[in-house]
Amino acid sequence: MTQPAALRIEGLRKVYDDGFEALKGIDLTVPQGEFYALLGPNGAGKSTTIGIVCSLVRKTAGKVWINGIDIDENFAEAKRNVGIVPQEFNFSLFEKVRDIVLNSAGYQGLTRAECSDRADYYLDRLGLYDKRNTQSRGLSGGMKRRLMIARALVHDPKLLILDEPTAGVDIQLRRGMMDFLSELNEEQGTTIILTTHYLEEAEALCRRVAIINQGDIVEDTDTRSLLGQLNTVTFVMDLAAPLAAVPTLPGYEVQQSDDMQLEVTLQKGQELNDVFDQLTQSGVGVVSMRTKSNRLEELFINLTGQPTEVSA
């Protein structure tokens, strides 16, 4: 039998009491094992969608299934299949770290004993085991974020929803959390839905992207196809040796920001390998390369016509 989708949404609408239509009948399907980005500017409907899935917001119309379970018919069973990491810290600052994780298991109908080993495992994986007997008020902001991830995973959910999980976290911790989430998805097969205003995270981690704007899904496709909609991309290349002049690369726009760096712009359909071949023939060595700007960010602006402030 075909596995049910980790999350399926059909015709989801939400009209608030003041008449504002936050969701206009959206459809969304997230397959099992997917790493999915849900992006949208402020007020787009992203947080409302997550709120409905978590039963924190009452929907006006539509259907939601979590791992094939209708949340209207059996939400208690559906919620056992999902872990939520919200934007805001929502645990007692006077409770000990390990107790916060274990008490969460009780909300899912599990005993502390059943989840004891898993609690220790995730606290260790997220660098919090040494803090397990510390009151959470003594944790840094980054540690509190990781604590919420451990709490969301202790009951072994099939679907993990992360709403801005790296907000306010420094670069080093962000990279560590991204590595952990990638391993969780690849090694354990956990389906992950990520909302983030660090769009480079979505580009680096997620295989599929849905963009919501003004209550409608305006794009839902794999990340590679979405990025393929760009007509140009500029690569910044760090050179092995300084250049006295800009090399000529027929068919490509080349600029030299300094004597150790080139910027090469490719049009849609042009091959990066051809650039490297021409540079090699010209005796130019490249030691590292990156895109000049975040490509997903450019697409987001093109699709929504709005700046990339998507933190709520």
Protein backbone atom coordinates (compact mmCIF):
# COMPACT_ATOMS: atom_id res chain seq x y z
CA MET A 1 0.00 0.00 0.00
CA THR A 2 1.11 3.55 -0.70
CA GLN A 3 2.21 5.45 2.38
CA PRO A 4 -0.03 8.36 3.35
CA ALA A 5 1.49 11.80 3.05
CA ALA A 6 3.15 13.16 6.18
CA LEU A 7 0.90 16.21 5.81
CA ARG A 8 -2.00 16.75 3.42
CA ILE A 9 -4.04 19.94 3.27
CA GLU A 10 -7.07 20.44 1.03
CA GLY A 11 -9.11 23.61 0.56
CA LEU A 12 -7.87 25.17 3.80
CA ARG A 13 -9.49 28.54 4.58
CA LYS A 14 -9.27 30.83 7.55
CA VAL A 15 -11.32 34.00 7.96
CA TYR A 16 -10.75 35.89 11.21
CA ASP A 17 -13.51 37.64 13.13
CA ASP A 18 -12.55 41.02 11.66
CA GLY A 19 -13.15 39.63 8.15
CA PHE A 20 -9.49 39.18 7.21
CA GLU A 21 -9.07 36.12 4.97
CA ALA A 22 -5.71 34.68 6.00
CA LEU A 23 -6.02 31.50 3.91
CA LYS A 24 -7.97 31.30 0.66
CA GLY A 25 -8.43 27.56 0.18
CA ILE A 26 -4.84 26.30 -0.05
CA ASP A 27 -3.81 22.77 -1.03
CA LEU A 28 -0.48 21.30 0.08
CA THR A 29 0.95 17.78 0.20
CA VAL A 30 4.21 16.91 1.96
CA PRO A 31 5.35 13.33 1.24
CA GLN A 32 6.91 11.07 3.85
CA GLY A 33 10.63 11.68 4.38
CA GLU A 34 10.62 15.10 2.67
CA PHE A 35 12.55 18.15 3.82
CA TYR A 36 10.15 20.96 2.93
CA ALA A 37 10.43 24.73 3.17
CA LEU A 38 7.31 26.84 3.73
CA LEU A 39 8.16 30.46 3.02
CA GLY A 40 6.13 33.62 3.03
CA PRO A 41 6.28 37.31 3.98
CA ASN A 42 4.63 38.70 7.10
CA GLY A 43 0.88 38.15 7.00
CA ALA A 44 1.08 35.66 4.12
CA GLY A 45 -0.70 32.85 6.00
CA LYS A 46 2.28 30.73 6.95
CA SER A 47 1.84 30.93 10.72
CA THR A 48 -1.93 30.51 10.38
CA THR A 49 -1.38 27.28 8.45
CA ILE A 50 0.95 25.93 11.11
CA GLY A 51 -1.45 27.02 13.83
CA ILE A 52 -4.30 25.07 12.24
CA VAL A 53 -2.16 21.94 11.83
CA CYS A 54 -1.27 22.18 15.54
CA SER A 55 -4.91 22.92 16.55
CA LEU A 56 -3.93 26.32 17.94
CA VAL A 57 -6.04 28.08 15.31
CA ARG A 58 -9.58 27.07 14.33
CA LYS A 59 -10.00 26.68 10.58
CA THR A 60 -12.97 28.11 8.67
CA ALA A 61 -13.07 25.35 6.06
CA GLY A 62 -10.96 22.58 4.56
CA LYS A 63 -9.34 19.33 5.64
CA VAL A 64 -6.00 18.43 7.24
CA TRP A 65 -4.47 14.96 7.55
CA ILE A 66 -1.29 14.15 9.50
CA ASN A 67 0.18 10.82 8.45
CA GLY A 68 -3.21 9.91 7.00
CA ILE A 69 -5.16 10.80 10.17
CA ASP A 70 -7.89 13.43 9.89
CA ILE A 71 -7.28 15.99 12.64
CA ASP A 72 -11.04 16.59 12.94
CA GLU A 73 -11.78 12.93 13.55
CA ASN A 74 -8.87 11.96 15.81
CA PHE A 75 -6.61 14.82 16.74
CA ALA A 76 -5.17 13.00 19.77
CA GLU A 77 -3.80 10.30 17.48
CA ALA A 78 -2.73 12.77 14.80
CA LYS A 79 -0.72 14.90 17.23
CA ARG A 80 1.34 11.87 18.30
CA ASN A 81 2.76 11.90 14.77
CA VAL A 82 3.93 15.52 14.86
CA GLY A 83 6.48 17.53 16.83
CA ILE A 84 6.30 21.32 16.88
CA VAL A 85 9.10 23.82 17.49
CA PRO A 86 7.40 27.23 17.79
CA GLN A 87 8.98 30.64 17.36
CA GLU A 88 8.50 31.69 20.98
CA PHE A 89 9.93 29.99 24.05
CA ASN A 90 6.98 28.35 25.79
CA PHE A 91 8.34 26.40 28.74
CA SER A 92 8.82 27.16 32.43
CA LEU A 93 12.07 29.00 33.09
CA PHE A 94 12.23 27.39 36.55
CA GLU A 95 11.91 23.81 35.32
CA LYS A 96 14.98 21.67 34.76
CA VAL A 97 16.04 20.95 31.20
CA ARG A 98 15.55 17.18 31.30
CA ASP A 99 12.20 17.52 33.06
CA ILE A 100 10.95 19.85 30.29
CA VAL A 101 11.73 17.19 27.70
CA LEU A 102 10.28 14.30 29.70
CA ASN A 103 7.11 16.12 30.74
CA SER A 104 6.41 16.76 27.06
CA ALA A 105 6.15 12.99 26.59
CA GLY A 106 3.23 12.97 29.01
CA TYR A 107 1.27 15.31 26.73
CA GLN A 108 1.62 12.66 24.02
CA GLY A 109 0.29 9.90 26.25
CA LEU A 110 3.71 8.38 27.02
CA THR A 111 5.35 7.77 30.38
CA ARG A 112 8.63 9.37 31.44
CA ALA A 113 10.17 5.89 31.61
CA GLU A 114 9.24 5.18 27.99
CA CYS A 115 11.04 8.31 26.78
CA SER A 116 13.95 8.47 29.23
CA ASP A 117 16.57 7.08 26.86
CA ARG A 118 15.34 9.19 23.93
CA ALA A 119 15.42 12.32 26.08
CA ASP A 120 19.05 11.70 26.98
CA TYR A 121 19.89 10.87 23.37
CA TYR A 122 18.49 14.12 21.96
CA LEU A 123 19.89 16.23 24.79
CA ASP A 124 23.31 14.75 24.03
CA ARG A 125 22.96 15.20 20.25
CA LEU A 126 21.95 18.82 20.73
CA GLY A 127 24.75 19.61 23.19
CA LEU A 128 22.52 19.94 26.24
CA TYR A 129 23.23 16.78 28.23
CA ASP A 130 25.62 18.53 30.61
CA LYS A 131 22.84 21.06 31.31
CA ARG A 132 20.15 18.44 31.92
CA ASN A 133 19.76 19.27 35.62
CA THR A 134 19.97 23.04 35.12
CA GLN A 135 16.93 25.29 35.29
CA SER A 136 16.13 26.46 31.78
CA ARG A 137 16.45 30.13 32.79
CA GLY A 138 20.21 29.52 32.94
CA LEU A 139 20.41 28.60 29.24
CA SER A 140 21.49 30.90 26.44
CA GLY A 141 19.03 31.75 23.68
CA GLY A 142 20.61 29.20 21.36
CA MET A 143 20.41 26.48 24.00
CA LYS A 144 16.73 27.25 24.56
CA ARG A 145 16.12 26.80 20.83
CA ARG A 146 17.83 23.42 20.92
CA LEU A 147 15.88 22.45 24.02
CA MET A 148 12.63 23.02 22.13
CA ILE A 149 13.88 20.75 19.34
CA ALA A 150 14.71 18.00 21.84
CA ARG A 151 11.28 18.40 23.44
CA ALA A 152 9.57 18.14 20.03
CA LEU A 153 11.42 14.92 19.19
CA VAL A 154 11.17 12.98 22.45
CA HIS A 155 7.99 11.11 21.42
CA ASP A 156 9.61 10.10 18.10
CA PRO A 157 7.25 11.94 15.71
CA LYS A 158 7.12 11.17 12.01
CA LEU A 159 6.67 14.87 11.16
CA LEU A 160 8.68 17.75 12.65
CA ILE A 161 7.54 21.34 12.07
CA LEU A 162 10.08 24.06 12.83
CA ASP A 163 8.90 27.66 12.89
CA GLU A 164 11.99 29.91 12.69
CA PRO A 165 14.21 27.46 14.65
CA THR A 166 17.45 29.46 14.24
CA ALA A 167 16.09 32.95 14.92
CA GLY A 168 18.50 34.77 17.22
CA VAL A 169 21.08 31.98 17.06
CA ASP A 170 24.69 32.77 16.19
CA ILE A 171 26.29 31.48 12.98
CA GLN A 172 28.20 28.59 14.58
CA LEU A 173 25.14 27.25 16.39
CA ARG A 174 23.01 27.73 13.28
CA ARG A 175 25.36 25.53 11.28
CA GLY A 176 25.33 22.87 13.99
CA MET A 177 21.53 22.86 14.09
CA MET A 178 21.34 22.67 10.30
CA ASP A 179 23.70 19.67 10.29
CA PHE A 180 21.60 17.97 12.97
CA LEU A 181 18.34 18.52 11.08
CA SER A 182 19.87 17.23 7.86
CA GLU A 183 21.05 14.05 9.61
CA LEU A 184 17.63 13.63 11.27
CA ASN A 185 15.96 13.74 7.88
CA GLU A 186 18.44 11.56 6.02
CA GLU A 187 19.26 8.95 8.67
CA GLN A 188 15.97 8.61 10.56
CA GLY A 189 13.63 9.53 7.70
CA THR A 190 11.84 12.19 9.75
CA THR A 191 9.74 14.48 7.56
CA ILE A 192 10.64 18.11 8.26
CA ILE A 193 8.76 21.30 7.42
CA LEU A 194 10.88 24.39 7.94
CA THR A 195 9.89 28.02 8.01
CA THR A 196 12.78 30.45 8.14
CA HIS A 197 13.75 33.99 7.23
CA TYR A 198 17.32 32.79 6.63
CA LEU A 199 16.54 31.77 3.07
CA GLU A 200 19.99 30.29 2.51
CA GLU A 201 18.93 27.60 5.00
CA ALA A 202 16.00 26.64 2.80
CA GLU A 203 18.25 26.51 -0.25
CA ALA A 204 20.87 24.40 1.54
CA LEU A 205 18.52 21.99 3.35
CA CYS A 206 15.20 21.64 1.58
CA ARG A 207 14.43 19.53 -1.47
CA ARG A 208 11.04 21.17 -1.98
CA VAL A 209 9.76 24.70 -1.44
CA ALA A 210 6.26 26.11 -1.13
CA ILE A 211 5.84 29.89 -1.16
CA ILE A 212 2.66 31.34 0.31
CA ASN A 213 1.61 34.93 -0.31
CA GLN A 214 -1.60 36.72 0.69
CA GLY A 215 -3.29 33.46 1.62
CA ASP A 216 -2.47 31.59 -1.60
CA ILE A 217 0.26 29.08 -2.52
CA VAL A 218 2.06 30.85 -5.36
CA GLU A 219 4.74 28.19 -5.90
CA ASP A 220 5.13 24.55 -4.87
CA THR A 221 7.96 22.67 -6.52
CA ASP A 222 11.37 21.12 -5.97
CA THR A 223 14.10 23.57 -5.03
CA ARG A 224 16.21 22.83 -8.09
CA SER A 225 13.34 23.56 -10.50
CA LEU A 226 12.51 26.74 -8.64
CA LEU A 227 16.07 27.97 -8.83
CA GLY A 228 16.06 27.07 -12.53
CA GLN A 229 13.56 29.88 -13.10
CA LEU A 230 16.33 32.41 -12.64
CA ASN A 231 17.63 33.84 -15.90
CA THR A 232 21.07 34.75 -14.54
CA VAL A 233 23.34 33.80 -11.67
CA THR A 234 26.60 35.47 -10.68
CA PHE A 235 29.44 33.43 -9.15
CA VAL A 236 32.19 34.97 -7.03
CA MET A 237 35.48 33.10 -7.55
CA ASP A 238 38.46 33.37 -5.22
CA LEU A 239 41.68 32.99 -7.18
CA ALA A 240 44.87 31.05 -6.52
CA ALA A 241 47.05 33.96 -7.61
CA PRO A 242 46.53 37.69 -8.26
CA LEU A 243 45.54 38.85 -11.75
CA ALA A 244 46.81 42.00 -13.39
CA ALA A 245 43.85 42.21 -15.80
CA VAL A 246 40.38 40.77 -16.28
CA PRO A 247 40.49 37.60 -18.43
CA THR A 248 38.35 37.45 -21.57
CA LEU A 249 35.67 34.74 -21.45
CA PRO A 250 33.64 34.85 -24.70
CA GLY A 251 29.90 34.73 -23.99
CA TYR A 252 30.20 35.63 -20.31
CA GLU A 253 30.14 38.85 -18.33
CA VAL A 254 33.28 39.04 -16.19
CA GLN A 255 34.19 41.61 -13.55
CA GLN A 256 37.17 41.85 -11.22
CA SER A 257 36.33 43.13 -7.73
CA ASP A 258 40.02 42.93 -6.75
CA ASP A 259 43.14 41.17 -8.02
CA MET A 260 42.26 37.97 -6.12
CA GLN A 261 38.61 37.72 -7.06
CA LEU A 262 36.44 37.44 -10.18
CA GLU A 263 32.68 37.74 -10.68
CA VAL A 264 31.29 35.73 -13.60
CA THR A 265 27.63 36.00 -14.67
CA LEU A 266 25.96 33.05 -16.43
CA GLN A 267 22.78 33.32 -18.46
CA LYS A 268 20.16 30.59 -18.22
CA GLY A 269 21.38 27.55 -20.15
CA GLN A 270 25.08 28.36 -19.86
CA GLU A 271 27.34 25.81 -18.20
CA LEU A 272 29.66 26.53 -15.29
CA ASN A 273 32.04 23.83 -16.53
CA ASP A 274 32.62 25.89 -19.69
CA VAL A 275 33.68 28.83 -17.51
CA PHE A 276 36.20 26.66 -15.67
CA ASP A 277 37.53 25.26 -18.95
CA GLN A 278 38.14 28.77 -20.30
CA LEU A 279 39.73 29.94 -17.05
CA THR A 280 42.04 26.92 -17.04
CA GLN A 281 43.07 27.62 -20.64
CA SER A 282 43.85 31.21 -19.59
CA GLY A 283 46.00 29.99 -16.70
CA VAL A 284 43.60 31.19 -14.00
CA GLY A 285 43.26 28.96 -10.93
CA VAL A 286 40.15 29.04 -8.73
CA VAL A 287 40.39 27.94 -5.09
CA SER A 288 36.79 28.54 -3.98
CA MET A 289 33.47 29.74 -5.34
CA ARG A 290 30.07 30.95 -4.14
CA THR A 291 26.99 32.65 -5.55
CA LYS A 292 27.05 36.42 -5.20
CA SER A 293 23.51 36.62 -3.81
CA ASN A 294 21.06 34.10 -2.41
CA ARG A 295 19.20 32.70 -5.42
CA LEU A 296 16.13 31.66 -3.47
CA GLU A 297 15.88 35.17 -2.06
CA GLU A 298 15.85 36.61 -5.58
CA LEU A 299 13.06 34.24 -6.59
CA PHE A 300 11.07 35.06 -3.50
CA ILE A 301 11.09 38.74 -4.41
CA ASN A 302 10.15 37.95 -8.02
CA LEU A 303 7.23 35.72 -7.03
CA THR A 304 5.74 37.81 -4.22
CA GLY A 305 6.89 41.32 -5.12
CA GLN A 306 7.81 41.78 -1.47
CA PRO A 307 11.06 42.00 0.50
CA THR A 308 12.29 38.82 2.15
CA GLU A 309 11.05 39.54 5.66
CA VAL A 310 9.38 36.23 6.41
CA SER A 311 9.84 35.87 10.13
CA ALA A 312 6.18 35.60 11.13
